[in-house]
Amino acid sequence: MSTLRLVLFDMDDVLCAYDWPGRICDLARLSGRAESEIVAGIWHSGFENLADTGQITSQAYVAGFAQRLGVPFSRADWLANRAACLTPWPAMLELVRSISRQAEIAILTNNNHLIIEEIDMLFPALRPLFGPRILSSAELGLQKPDPAAYLAALDRLGFRPGETLFTDDRSENVEGAITAGLHGHVHSGPDGLRARIAELGLLIPG
């Protein structure tokens, strides 16, 4: 009998495609700045890390984002830009639905407060599947692949590491989960995840 009780998912590039290059291209078009300047000012400056670890509020995050772009940029503008680069993967969402009939499901994503506040607008397919079990690193104050991030998430969700499978497209994040005592799987598509779950004793219909 399987001891697997929870499957914990990353979001971007697991449940949906995240077109980060396309997002940067759009920000460059909107701001008139070079893509390299935008990446340096927002992603390589430590600013996104502050947001993803919950050290700044959503309001301060949007204001800081606009400042680094050098143009007026509202919360609605940020959401439109972020939503445009997110494409749900129907096959994965259907697999999630099948898994939920045999185990609990949840999300742990490295993201800022704004993502969770607006997840129903950005990715409306998630809430009917996951309910309130959508956690961000900003809520926890910890980021993957820090093993403490997974343990904090499981403490909040009410599960133990040994009964949890974590899947992410980044191998370093999976390694962090394994270090924390979880089962791990590097995401490569629905078939690979289904096979990994079967290894842990649950057979999910194809």
N, C-alpha and C. Protein backbone atom coordinates (compact mmCIF):
# COMPACT_ATOMS: atom_id res chain seq x y z
N MET A 1 0.85 -1.20 0.00
CA MET A 1 0.00 0.00 0.00
C MET A 1 0.88 1.24 0.00
N SER A 2 0.51 2.24 -0.79
CA SER A 2 1.32 3.45 -0.90
C SER A 2 1.23 4.30 0.37
N THR A 3 2.36 4.91 0.73
CA THR A 3 2.37 5.87 1.84
C THR A 3 2.28 7.30 1.32
N LEU A 4 2.15 7.46 0.00
CA LEU A 4 2.09 8.80 -0.60
C LEU A 4 0.73 9.43 -0.32
N ARG A 5 0.74 10.57 0.36
CA ARG A 5 -0.51 11.26 0.69
C ARG A 5 -0.63 12.62 0.03
N LEU A 6 0.50 13.22 -0.35
CA LEU A 6 0.48 14.57 -0.92
C LEU A 6 1.42 14.66 -2.12
N VAL A 7 0.93 15.25 -3.21
CA VAL A 7 1.79 15.61 -4.33
C VAL A 7 1.87 17.13 -4.37
N LEU A 8 3.08 17.64 -4.23
CA LEU A 8 3.34 19.08 -4.14
C LEU A 8 3.98 19.52 -5.45
N PHE A 9 3.33 20.48 -6.12
CA PHE A 9 3.74 20.91 -7.44
C PHE A 9 4.39 22.29 -7.42
N ASP A 10 5.43 22.47 -8.22
CA ASP A 10 5.83 23.80 -8.65
C ASP A 10 4.75 24.29 -9.63
N MET A 11 4.76 25.60 -9.94
CA MET A 11 3.75 26.13 -10.86
C MET A 11 4.31 26.36 -12.27
N ASP A 12 5.17 27.36 -12.42
CA ASP A 12 5.67 27.73 -13.75
C ASP A 12 6.52 26.61 -14.35
N ASP A 13 6.24 26.29 -15.59
CA ASP A 13 6.92 25.24 -16.36
C ASP A 13 6.69 23.84 -15.79
N VAL A 14 5.65 23.72 -14.96
CA VAL A 14 5.16 22.41 -14.53
C VAL A 14 3.67 22.31 -14.84
N LEU A 15 2.91 23.29 -14.37
CA LEU A 15 1.47 23.33 -14.64
C LEU A 15 1.13 24.24 -15.81
N CYS A 16 2.09 25.06 -16.19
CA CYS A 16 1.90 25.99 -17.30
C CYS A 16 3.25 26.31 -17.91
N ALA A 17 3.24 26.78 -19.14
CA ALA A 17 4.45 27.29 -19.77
C ALA A 17 4.64 28.75 -19.33
N TYR A 18 5.86 29.10 -18.95
CA TYR A 18 6.19 30.46 -18.54
C TYR A 18 7.18 31.02 -19.55
N ASP A 19 6.71 31.93 -20.41
CA ASP A 19 7.54 32.51 -21.46
C ASP A 19 8.29 33.72 -20.91
N TRP A 20 9.35 33.44 -20.16
CA TRP A 20 10.13 34.54 -19.55
C TRP A 20 10.80 35.41 -20.61
N PRO A 21 11.42 34.86 -21.65
CA PRO A 21 11.99 35.74 -22.69
C PRO A 21 10.94 36.65 -23.33
N GLY A 22 9.75 36.11 -23.57
CA GLY A 22 8.68 36.92 -24.14
C GLY A 22 8.25 38.02 -23.19
N ARG A 23 8.27 37.72 -21.90
CA ARG A 23 7.92 38.74 -20.90
C ARG A 23 8.92 39.88 -20.91
N ILE A 24 10.20 39.56 -20.96
CA ILE A 24 11.24 40.60 -20.99
C ILE A 24 11.13 41.42 -22.26
N CYS A 25 10.85 40.77 -23.38
CA CYS A 25 10.68 41.48 -24.65
C CYS A 25 9.53 42.48 -24.55
N ASP A 26 8.43 42.07 -23.94
CA ASP A 26 7.27 42.95 -23.80
C ASP A 26 7.60 44.13 -22.88
N LEU A 27 8.33 43.86 -21.80
CA LEU A 27 8.72 44.95 -20.90
C LEU A 27 9.65 45.94 -21.60
N ALA A 28 10.51 45.44 -22.45
CA ALA A 28 11.39 46.32 -23.22
C ALA A 28 10.58 47.20 -24.17
N ARG A 29 9.59 46.62 -24.78
CA ARG A 29 8.73 47.39 -25.70
C ARG A 29 7.97 48.47 -24.95
N LEU A 30 7.45 48.12 -23.78
CA LEU A 30 6.66 49.06 -22.99
C LEU A 30 7.50 50.20 -22.42
N SER A 31 8.74 49.89 -22.05
CA SER A 31 9.58 50.87 -21.37
C SER A 31 10.55 51.61 -22.27
N GLY A 32 10.84 51.02 -23.45
CA GLY A 32 11.85 51.62 -24.32
C GLY A 32 13.27 51.37 -23.85
N ARG A 33 13.44 50.47 -22.90
CA ARG A 33 14.77 50.15 -22.40
C ARG A 33 15.25 48.82 -22.99
N ALA A 34 16.56 48.64 -22.97
CA ALA A 34 17.13 47.39 -23.49
C ALA A 34 16.75 46.23 -22.57
N GLU A 35 16.58 45.06 -23.15
CA GLU A 35 16.25 43.88 -22.36
C GLU A 35 17.30 43.61 -21.29
N SER A 36 18.56 43.80 -21.63
CA SER A 36 19.64 43.55 -20.67
C SER A 36 19.54 44.49 -19.47
N GLU A 37 19.11 45.72 -19.70
CA GLU A 37 18.94 46.68 -18.59
C GLU A 37 17.82 46.23 -17.66
N ILE A 38 16.74 45.75 -18.25
CA ILE A 38 15.59 45.31 -17.46
C ILE A 38 15.96 44.11 -16.60
N VAL A 39 16.62 43.13 -17.20
CA VAL A 39 17.03 41.94 -16.46
C VAL A 39 17.98 42.32 -15.32
N ALA A 40 18.93 43.20 -15.62
CA ALA A 40 19.89 43.62 -14.59
C ALA A 40 19.21 44.38 -13.47
N GLY A 41 18.30 45.28 -13.82
CA GLY A 41 17.68 46.15 -12.82
C GLY A 41 16.65 45.46 -11.96
N ILE A 42 16.00 44.44 -12.49
CA ILE A 42 14.92 43.78 -11.75
C ILE A 42 15.33 42.40 -11.25
N TRP A 43 15.85 41.57 -12.14
CA TRP A 43 16.12 40.18 -11.76
C TRP A 43 17.51 39.95 -11.19
N HIS A 44 18.50 40.73 -11.61
CA HIS A 44 19.87 40.50 -11.14
C HIS A 44 20.30 41.50 -10.06
N SER A 45 19.39 42.32 -9.62
CA SER A 45 19.72 43.35 -8.63
C SER A 45 19.40 42.93 -7.20
N GLY A 46 18.73 41.81 -7.05
CA GLY A 46 18.26 41.38 -5.73
C GLY A 46 16.83 41.81 -5.44
N PHE A 47 16.25 42.64 -6.32
CA PHE A 47 14.89 43.15 -6.10
C PHE A 47 13.86 42.02 -6.12
N GLU A 48 13.92 41.15 -7.14
CA GLU A 48 12.97 40.04 -7.20
C GLU A 48 13.15 39.08 -6.03
N ASN A 49 14.37 38.91 -5.58
CA ASN A 49 14.61 38.04 -4.44
C ASN A 49 13.94 38.59 -3.18
N LEU A 50 14.00 39.92 -3.00
CA LEU A 50 13.32 40.55 -1.86
C LEU A 50 11.82 40.26 -1.92
N ALA A 51 11.26 40.38 -3.12
CA ALA A 51 9.82 40.15 -3.28
C ALA A 51 9.47 38.68 -3.06
N ASP A 52 10.29 37.80 -3.61
CA ASP A 52 9.99 36.36 -3.52
C ASP A 52 10.19 35.79 -2.13
N THR A 53 10.89 36.51 -1.27
CA THR A 53 11.04 36.08 0.12
C THR A 53 10.14 36.89 1.05
N GLY A 54 9.22 37.65 0.46
CA GLY A 54 8.20 38.34 1.25
C GLY A 54 8.68 39.55 2.02
N GLN A 55 9.80 40.11 1.62
CA GLN A 55 10.36 41.24 2.37
C GLN A 55 9.80 42.59 1.95
N ILE A 56 9.00 42.62 0.88
CA ILE A 56 8.33 43.85 0.48
C ILE A 56 6.87 43.54 0.15
N THR A 57 6.02 44.51 0.38
CA THR A 57 4.59 44.34 0.11
C THR A 57 4.32 44.38 -1.39
N SER A 58 3.12 43.99 -1.76
CA SER A 58 2.73 44.05 -3.17
C SER A 58 2.78 45.47 -3.69
N GLN A 59 2.32 46.42 -2.88
CA GLN A 59 2.33 47.82 -3.30
C GLN A 59 3.75 48.31 -3.53
N ALA A 60 4.65 47.99 -2.61
CA ALA A 60 6.05 48.40 -2.74
C ALA A 60 6.71 47.69 -3.92
N TYR A 61 6.29 46.46 -4.16
CA TYR A 61 6.85 45.70 -5.28
C TYR A 61 6.49 46.35 -6.62
N VAL A 62 5.23 46.69 -6.80
CA VAL A 62 4.80 47.31 -8.05
C VAL A 62 5.49 48.67 -8.23
N ALA A 63 5.60 49.44 -7.15
CA ALA A 63 6.27 50.74 -7.23
C ALA A 63 7.74 50.57 -7.59
N GLY A 64 8.39 49.58 -6.99
CA GLY A 64 9.80 49.33 -7.30
C GLY A 64 9.99 48.83 -8.71
N PHE A 65 9.07 48.04 -9.18
CA PHE A 65 9.11 47.52 -10.56
C PHE A 65 9.04 48.69 -11.54
N ALA A 66 8.10 49.60 -11.31
CA ALA A 66 7.94 50.77 -12.18
C ALA A 66 9.20 51.65 -12.15
N GLN A 67 9.75 51.82 -10.96
CA GLN A 67 10.96 52.64 -10.83
C GLN A 67 12.10 52.05 -11.64
N ARG A 68 12.24 50.76 -11.62
CA ARG A 68 13.33 50.11 -12.35
C ARG A 68 13.09 50.08 -13.86
N LEU A 69 11.82 50.13 -14.25
CA LEU A 69 11.53 50.24 -15.68
C LEU A 69 11.72 51.66 -16.18
N GLY A 70 11.49 52.62 -15.27
CA GLY A 70 11.65 54.03 -15.65
C GLY A 70 10.44 54.60 -16.34
N VAL A 71 9.28 53.93 -16.22
CA VAL A 71 8.04 54.44 -16.81
C VAL A 71 6.89 54.15 -15.85
N PRO A 72 5.78 54.85 -15.98
CA PRO A 72 4.62 54.51 -15.15
C PRO A 72 4.19 53.06 -15.43
N PHE A 73 3.98 52.31 -14.36
CA PHE A 73 3.66 50.89 -14.52
C PHE A 73 2.82 50.49 -13.32
N SER A 74 1.53 50.24 -13.56
CA SER A 74 0.59 49.99 -12.49
C SER A 74 0.49 48.50 -12.15
N ARG A 75 -0.25 48.20 -11.11
CA ARG A 75 -0.54 46.81 -10.75
C ARG A 75 -1.22 46.09 -11.91
N ALA A 76 -2.17 46.77 -12.55
CA ALA A 76 -2.86 46.18 -13.70
C ALA A 76 -1.89 45.91 -14.85
N ASP A 77 -0.95 46.82 -15.06
CA ASP A 77 0.06 46.62 -16.11
C ASP A 77 0.91 45.39 -15.81
N TRP A 78 1.32 45.26 -14.55
CA TRP A 78 2.16 44.12 -14.16
C TRP A 78 1.39 42.82 -14.37
N LEU A 79 0.13 42.81 -13.96
CA LEU A 79 -0.67 41.60 -14.10
C LEU A 79 -0.87 41.23 -15.57
N ALA A 80 -1.11 42.22 -16.41
CA ALA A 80 -1.29 41.94 -17.83
C ALA A 80 -0.03 41.36 -18.44
N ASN A 81 1.13 41.92 -18.05
CA ASN A 81 2.41 41.43 -18.56
C ASN A 81 2.67 40.00 -18.09
N ARG A 82 2.39 39.74 -16.82
CA ARG A 82 2.64 38.40 -16.26
C ARG A 82 1.67 37.37 -16.83
N ALA A 83 0.41 37.75 -16.99
CA ALA A 83 -0.58 36.82 -17.51
C ALA A 83 -0.30 36.45 -18.97
N ALA A 84 0.23 37.40 -19.73
CA ALA A 84 0.47 37.17 -21.16
C ALA A 84 1.53 36.10 -21.40
N CYS A 85 2.40 35.88 -20.42
CA CYS A 85 3.49 34.91 -20.62
C CYS A 85 3.19 33.56 -19.98
N LEU A 86 1.97 33.38 -19.49
CA LEU A 86 1.58 32.15 -18.80
C LEU A 86 0.55 31.40 -19.65
N THR A 87 0.88 30.18 -20.05
CA THR A 87 -0.03 29.36 -20.85
C THR A 87 -0.29 28.03 -20.14
N PRO A 88 -1.50 27.81 -19.64
CA PRO A 88 -1.79 26.55 -18.93
C PRO A 88 -1.57 25.34 -19.83
N TRP A 89 -1.17 24.24 -19.21
CA TRP A 89 -0.99 22.97 -19.91
C TRP A 89 -2.16 22.05 -19.56
N PRO A 90 -3.13 21.90 -20.47
CA PRO A 90 -4.32 21.10 -20.17
C PRO A 90 -4.01 19.66 -19.75
N ALA A 91 -3.02 19.04 -20.38
CA ALA A 91 -2.71 17.64 -20.04
C ALA A 91 -2.23 17.52 -18.59
N MET A 92 -1.45 18.50 -18.14
CA MET A 92 -0.98 18.47 -16.76
C MET A 92 -2.13 18.73 -15.79
N LEU A 93 -2.99 19.65 -16.13
CA LEU A 93 -4.11 19.96 -15.24
C LEU A 93 -5.06 18.77 -15.14
N GLU A 94 -5.22 18.04 -16.22
CA GLU A 94 -6.06 16.83 -16.18
C GLU A 94 -5.40 15.76 -15.31
N LEU A 95 -4.07 15.65 -15.41
CA LEU A 95 -3.37 14.69 -14.55
C LEU A 95 -3.50 15.09 -13.08
N VAL A 96 -3.39 16.36 -12.80
CA VAL A 96 -3.58 16.84 -11.42
C VAL A 96 -4.96 16.43 -10.91
N ARG A 97 -5.96 16.58 -11.75
CA ARG A 97 -7.32 16.21 -11.36
C ARG A 97 -7.39 14.71 -11.04
N SER A 98 -6.73 13.91 -11.84
CA SER A 98 -6.73 12.45 -11.59
C SER A 98 -5.99 12.12 -10.30
N ILE A 99 -4.86 12.78 -10.07
CA ILE A 99 -4.10 12.55 -8.84
C ILE A 99 -4.94 12.90 -7.62
N SER A 100 -5.70 13.99 -7.72
CA SER A 100 -6.48 14.47 -6.57
C SER A 100 -7.54 13.48 -6.11
N ARG A 101 -7.85 12.49 -6.95
CA ARG A 101 -8.82 11.47 -6.55
C ARG A 101 -8.19 10.41 -5.65
N GLN A 102 -6.85 10.38 -5.60
CA GLN A 102 -6.16 9.36 -4.81
C GLN A 102 -5.23 9.93 -3.75
N ALA A 103 -4.88 11.22 -3.87
CA ALA A 103 -3.98 11.86 -2.91
C ALA A 103 -4.33 13.34 -2.84
N GLU A 104 -3.79 13.99 -1.84
CA GLU A 104 -3.97 15.44 -1.74
C GLU A 104 -2.98 16.14 -2.67
N ILE A 105 -3.29 17.35 -3.07
CA ILE A 105 -2.43 18.12 -3.97
C ILE A 105 -2.25 19.54 -3.44
N ALA A 106 -1.10 20.13 -3.76
CA ALA A 106 -0.81 21.51 -3.34
C ALA A 106 0.26 22.08 -4.26
N ILE A 107 0.44 23.38 -4.18
CA ILE A 107 1.45 24.09 -4.98
C ILE A 107 2.41 24.82 -4.05
N LEU A 108 3.70 24.78 -4.39
CA LEU A 108 4.72 25.60 -3.75
C LEU A 108 5.53 26.27 -4.85
N THR A 109 5.38 27.59 -4.98
CA THR A 109 6.04 28.34 -6.04
C THR A 109 6.92 29.43 -5.46
N ASN A 110 8.09 29.62 -6.05
CA ASN A 110 8.93 30.76 -5.69
C ASN A 110 8.35 31.99 -6.38
N ASN A 111 7.60 32.77 -5.63
CA ASN A 111 6.94 33.95 -6.19
C ASN A 111 6.58 34.94 -5.10
N ASN A 112 6.24 36.14 -5.53
CA ASN A 112 5.94 37.24 -4.60
C ASN A 112 4.50 37.20 -4.11
N HIS A 113 4.17 38.11 -3.20
CA HIS A 113 2.82 38.16 -2.64
C HIS A 113 1.76 38.42 -3.71
N LEU A 114 2.11 39.22 -4.70
CA LEU A 114 1.13 39.62 -5.72
C LEU A 114 0.61 38.41 -6.50
N ILE A 115 1.49 37.44 -6.73
CA ILE A 115 1.07 36.24 -7.46
C ILE A 115 -0.08 35.54 -6.74
N ILE A 116 0.03 35.37 -5.44
CA ILE A 116 -1.02 34.67 -4.69
C ILE A 116 -2.27 35.53 -4.58
N GLU A 117 -2.08 36.83 -4.38
CA GLU A 117 -3.24 37.73 -4.28
C GLU A 117 -4.07 37.71 -5.56
N GLU A 118 -3.41 37.53 -6.69
CA GLU A 118 -4.08 37.64 -7.99
C GLU A 118 -4.09 36.32 -8.77
N ILE A 119 -3.88 35.20 -8.10
CA ILE A 119 -3.76 33.93 -8.81
C ILE A 119 -5.04 33.58 -9.56
N ASP A 120 -6.19 34.00 -9.07
CA ASP A 120 -7.44 33.66 -9.74
C ASP A 120 -7.57 34.39 -11.07
N MET A 121 -6.93 35.55 -11.19
CA MET A 121 -6.92 36.26 -12.46
C MET A 121 -5.83 35.71 -13.38
N LEU A 122 -4.66 35.44 -12.80
CA LEU A 122 -3.51 35.00 -13.60
C LEU A 122 -3.67 33.57 -14.11
N PHE A 123 -4.22 32.70 -13.28
CA PHE A 123 -4.28 31.27 -13.62
C PHE A 123 -5.58 30.70 -13.03
N PRO A 124 -6.73 31.06 -13.62
CA PRO A 124 -8.02 30.71 -13.01
C PRO A 124 -8.29 29.22 -12.89
N ALA A 125 -7.56 28.39 -13.62
CA ALA A 125 -7.80 26.94 -13.54
C ALA A 125 -7.28 26.34 -12.23
N LEU A 126 -6.44 27.06 -11.49
CA LEU A 126 -5.82 26.45 -10.32
C LEU A 126 -6.76 26.32 -9.13
N ARG A 127 -7.52 27.36 -8.82
CA ARG A 127 -8.31 27.36 -7.59
C ARG A 127 -9.31 26.21 -7.54
N PRO A 128 -10.02 25.89 -8.64
CA PRO A 128 -10.95 24.75 -8.56
C PRO A 128 -10.24 23.42 -8.27
N LEU A 129 -8.97 23.32 -8.62
CA LEU A 129 -8.23 22.10 -8.36
C LEU A 129 -7.58 22.09 -6.98
N PHE A 130 -6.92 23.18 -6.63
CA PHE A 130 -6.08 23.20 -5.42
C PHE A 130 -6.73 23.89 -4.23
N GLY A 131 -7.81 24.61 -4.45
CA GLY A 131 -8.43 25.32 -3.34
C GLY A 131 -7.45 26.28 -2.69
N PRO A 132 -7.36 26.27 -1.34
CA PRO A 132 -6.44 27.20 -0.66
C PRO A 132 -4.99 26.72 -0.61
N ARG A 133 -4.73 25.53 -1.12
CA ARG A 133 -3.38 24.96 -0.98
C ARG A 133 -2.45 25.43 -2.11
N ILE A 134 -2.32 26.75 -2.23
CA ILE A 134 -1.41 27.37 -3.19
C ILE A 134 -0.50 28.29 -2.39
N LEU A 135 0.74 27.86 -2.19
CA LEU A 135 1.68 28.58 -1.33
C LEU A 135 2.80 29.20 -2.16
N SER A 136 3.23 30.38 -1.72
CA SER A 136 4.38 31.03 -2.35
C SER A 136 5.51 31.17 -1.35
N SER A 137 6.71 31.32 -1.89
CA SER A 137 7.87 31.54 -1.04
C SER A 137 7.72 32.83 -0.23
N ALA A 138 7.02 33.83 -0.80
CA ALA A 138 6.84 35.09 -0.08
C ALA A 138 6.05 34.88 1.21
N GLU A 139 5.04 34.01 1.16
CA GLU A 139 4.25 33.72 2.36
C GLU A 139 5.10 33.06 3.44
N LEU A 140 6.02 32.20 3.01
CA LEU A 140 6.83 31.43 3.95
C LEU A 140 8.07 32.17 4.39
N GLY A 141 8.51 33.17 3.60
CA GLY A 141 9.77 33.86 3.87
C GLY A 141 10.98 33.00 3.56
N LEU A 142 10.76 31.97 2.74
CA LEU A 142 11.82 31.03 2.39
C LEU A 142 11.64 30.62 0.93
N GLN A 143 12.76 30.42 0.23
CA GLN A 143 12.71 30.04 -1.17
C GLN A 143 13.25 28.63 -1.39
N LYS A 144 12.66 27.94 -2.37
CA LYS A 144 13.31 26.75 -2.88
C LYS A 144 14.64 27.17 -3.51
N PRO A 145 15.70 26.40 -3.38
CA PRO A 145 15.77 25.02 -2.90
C PRO A 145 16.15 24.87 -1.44
N ASP A 146 16.00 25.90 -0.63
CA ASP A 146 16.31 25.78 0.80
C ASP A 146 15.43 24.68 1.40
N PRO A 147 16.01 23.64 1.97
CA PRO A 147 15.20 22.56 2.56
C PRO A 147 14.16 23.08 3.56
N ALA A 148 14.48 24.17 4.23
CA ALA A 148 13.54 24.71 5.21
C ALA A 148 12.25 25.19 4.56
N ALA A 149 12.31 25.58 3.28
CA ALA A 149 11.10 26.04 2.59
C ALA A 149 10.08 24.92 2.46
N TYR A 150 10.54 23.72 2.13
CA TYR A 150 9.63 22.59 1.98
C TYR A 150 9.04 22.17 3.33
N LEU A 151 9.88 22.20 4.35
CA LEU A 151 9.39 21.82 5.67
C LEU A 151 8.38 22.83 6.19
N ALA A 152 8.61 24.12 5.91
CA ALA A 152 7.65 25.15 6.32
C ALA A 152 6.33 24.98 5.58
N ALA A 153 6.41 24.64 4.29
CA ALA A 153 5.20 24.41 3.51
C ALA A 153 4.42 23.22 4.05
N LEU A 154 5.12 22.14 4.34
CA LEU A 154 4.44 20.94 4.84
C LEU A 154 3.85 21.17 6.23
N ASP A 155 4.53 21.96 7.04
CA ASP A 155 4.00 22.29 8.36
C ASP A 155 2.67 23.04 8.22
N ARG A 156 2.63 23.93 7.27
CA ARG A 156 1.40 24.69 7.04
C ARG A 156 0.30 23.80 6.46
N LEU A 157 0.69 22.87 5.60
CA LEU A 157 -0.29 22.01 4.94
C LEU A 157 -0.73 20.82 5.80
N GLY A 158 0.10 20.47 6.79
CA GLY A 158 -0.25 19.38 7.68
C GLY A 158 0.15 18.00 7.19
N PHE A 159 1.31 17.92 6.50
CA PHE A 159 1.81 16.64 6.00
C PHE A 159 3.26 16.45 6.41
N ARG A 160 3.74 15.19 6.31
CA ARG A 160 5.11 14.86 6.65
C ARG A 160 5.93 14.69 5.37
N PRO A 161 7.24 14.92 5.45
CA PRO A 161 8.08 14.79 4.26
C PRO A 161 7.99 13.42 3.59
N GLY A 162 8.03 12.34 4.39
CA GLY A 162 8.06 11.01 3.82
C GLY A 162 6.80 10.58 3.10
N GLU A 163 5.72 11.33 3.26
CA GLU A 163 4.46 11.00 2.58
C GLU A 163 4.15 11.98 1.46
N THR A 164 5.19 12.74 1.06
CA THR A 164 5.01 13.81 0.07
C THR A 164 5.95 13.63 -1.11
N LEU A 165 5.42 13.81 -2.32
CA LEU A 165 6.22 13.88 -3.54
C LEU A 165 6.22 15.31 -4.04
N PHE A 166 7.40 15.85 -4.31
CA PHE A 166 7.53 17.20 -4.87
C PHE A 166 8.04 17.11 -6.28
N THR A 167 7.41 17.85 -7.20
CA THR A 167 7.87 17.88 -8.58
C THR A 167 8.09 19.31 -9.04
N ASP A 168 9.21 19.52 -9.74
CA ASP A 168 9.64 20.85 -10.19
C ASP A 168 10.45 20.64 -11.46
N ASP A 169 10.46 21.64 -12.32
CA ASP A 169 11.26 21.53 -13.55
C ASP A 169 12.74 21.78 -13.31
N ARG A 170 13.10 22.33 -12.16
CA ARG A 170 14.50 22.63 -11.85
C ARG A 170 15.06 21.56 -10.93
N SER A 171 16.14 20.94 -11.36
CA SER A 171 16.71 19.83 -10.60
C SER A 171 17.19 20.28 -9.23
N GLU A 172 17.72 21.51 -9.12
CA GLU A 172 18.21 21.98 -7.83
C GLU A 172 17.08 22.10 -6.81
N ASN A 173 15.87 22.43 -7.28
CA ASN A 173 14.73 22.52 -6.36
C ASN A 173 14.29 21.14 -5.91
N VAL A 174 14.35 20.18 -6.81
CA VAL A 174 14.02 18.80 -6.44
C VAL A 174 15.05 18.26 -5.45
N GLU A 175 16.32 18.57 -5.68
CA GLU A 175 17.37 18.13 -4.75
C GLU A 175 17.15 18.72 -3.36
N GLY A 176 16.72 19.99 -3.29
CA GLY A 176 16.43 20.60 -1.99
C GLY A 176 15.30 19.88 -1.28
N ALA A 177 14.29 19.47 -2.03
CA ALA A 177 13.17 18.73 -1.44
C ALA A 177 13.62 17.38 -0.91
N ILE A 178 14.45 16.70 -1.68
CA ILE A 178 14.96 15.39 -1.25
C ILE A 178 15.80 15.54 0.02
N THR A 179 16.60 16.59 0.08
CA THR A 179 17.39 16.86 1.29
C THR A 179 16.48 17.04 2.50
N ALA A 180 15.30 17.63 2.27
CA ALA A 180 14.34 17.85 3.35
C ALA A 180 13.56 16.59 3.72
N GLY A 181 13.79 15.50 2.95
CA GLY A 181 13.14 14.24 3.27
C GLY A 181 11.94 13.89 2.41
N LEU A 182 11.63 14.74 1.42
CA LEU A 182 10.52 14.46 0.53
C LEU A 182 10.98 13.53 -0.59
N HIS A 183 10.04 12.87 -1.24
CA HIS A 183 10.32 12.22 -2.50
C HIS A 183 10.40 13.31 -3.56
N GLY A 184 11.22 13.10 -4.60
CA GLY A 184 11.39 14.12 -5.62
C GLY A 184 11.22 13.61 -7.02
N HIS A 185 10.87 14.53 -7.92
CA HIS A 185 10.74 14.19 -9.34
C HIS A 185 11.01 15.44 -10.16
N VAL A 186 11.97 15.35 -11.10
CA VAL A 186 12.24 16.46 -12.01
C VAL A 186 11.22 16.38 -13.14
N HIS A 187 10.44 17.41 -13.28
CA HIS A 187 9.33 17.40 -14.22
C HIS A 187 9.81 17.35 -15.66
N SER A 188 9.20 16.45 -16.44
CA SER A 188 9.47 16.37 -17.87
C SER A 188 8.20 16.14 -18.67
N GLY A 189 7.06 16.21 -17.99
CA GLY A 189 5.79 16.00 -18.66
C GLY A 189 4.90 15.06 -17.88
N PRO A 190 3.64 14.91 -18.30
CA PRO A 190 2.67 14.08 -17.57
C PRO A 190 3.08 12.62 -17.45
N ASP A 191 3.63 12.04 -18.50
CA ASP A 191 3.96 10.61 -18.47
C ASP A 191 5.02 10.31 -17.42
N GLY A 192 6.03 11.17 -17.34
CA GLY A 192 7.08 10.96 -16.36
C GLY A 192 6.57 11.05 -14.93
N LEU A 193 5.69 12.00 -14.68
CA LEU A 193 5.13 12.16 -13.34
C LEU A 193 4.24 10.97 -13.00
N ARG A 194 3.44 10.53 -13.95
CA ARG A 194 2.58 9.39 -13.71
C ARG A 194 3.41 8.15 -13.36
N ALA A 195 4.54 7.96 -14.07
CA ALA A 195 5.41 6.83 -13.80
C ALA A 195 6.05 6.94 -12.41
N ARG A 196 6.46 8.15 -12.03
CA ARG A 196 7.09 8.34 -10.71
C ARG A 196 6.09 8.07 -9.60
N ILE A 197 4.86 8.50 -9.78
CA ILE A 197 3.83 8.24 -8.77
C ILE A 197 3.55 6.74 -8.66
N ALA A 198 3.59 6.05 -9.80
CA ALA A 198 3.39 4.59 -9.77
C ALA A 198 4.50 3.91 -8.99
N GLU A 199 5.75 4.42 -9.11
CA GLU A 199 6.85 3.88 -8.34
C GLU A 199 6.59 3.98 -6.83
N LEU A 200 5.82 5.00 -6.45
CA LEU A 200 5.50 5.21 -5.04
C LEU A 200 4.20 4.54 -4.63
N GLY A 201 3.63 3.74 -5.55
CA GLY A 201 2.53 2.88 -5.17
C GLY A 201 1.14 3.34 -5.56
N LEU A 202 1.04 4.49 -6.29
CA LEU A 202 -0.26 4.94 -6.75
C LEU A 202 -0.34 4.82 -8.26
N LEU A 203 -1.37 4.15 -8.76
CA LEU A 203 -1.56 4.00 -10.19
C LEU A 203 -2.59 5.02 -10.65
N ILE A 204 -2.15 5.97 -11.48
CA ILE A 204 -3.01 7.03 -11.98
C ILE A 204 -3.41 6.70 -13.40
N PRO A 205 -4.69 6.61 -13.71
CA PRO A 205 -5.12 6.27 -15.07
C PRO A 205 -4.54 7.22 -16.11
N GLY A 206 -4.21 6.69 -17.28
CA GLY A 206 -3.66 7.51 -18.36
C GLY A 206 -4.74 8.18 -19.15
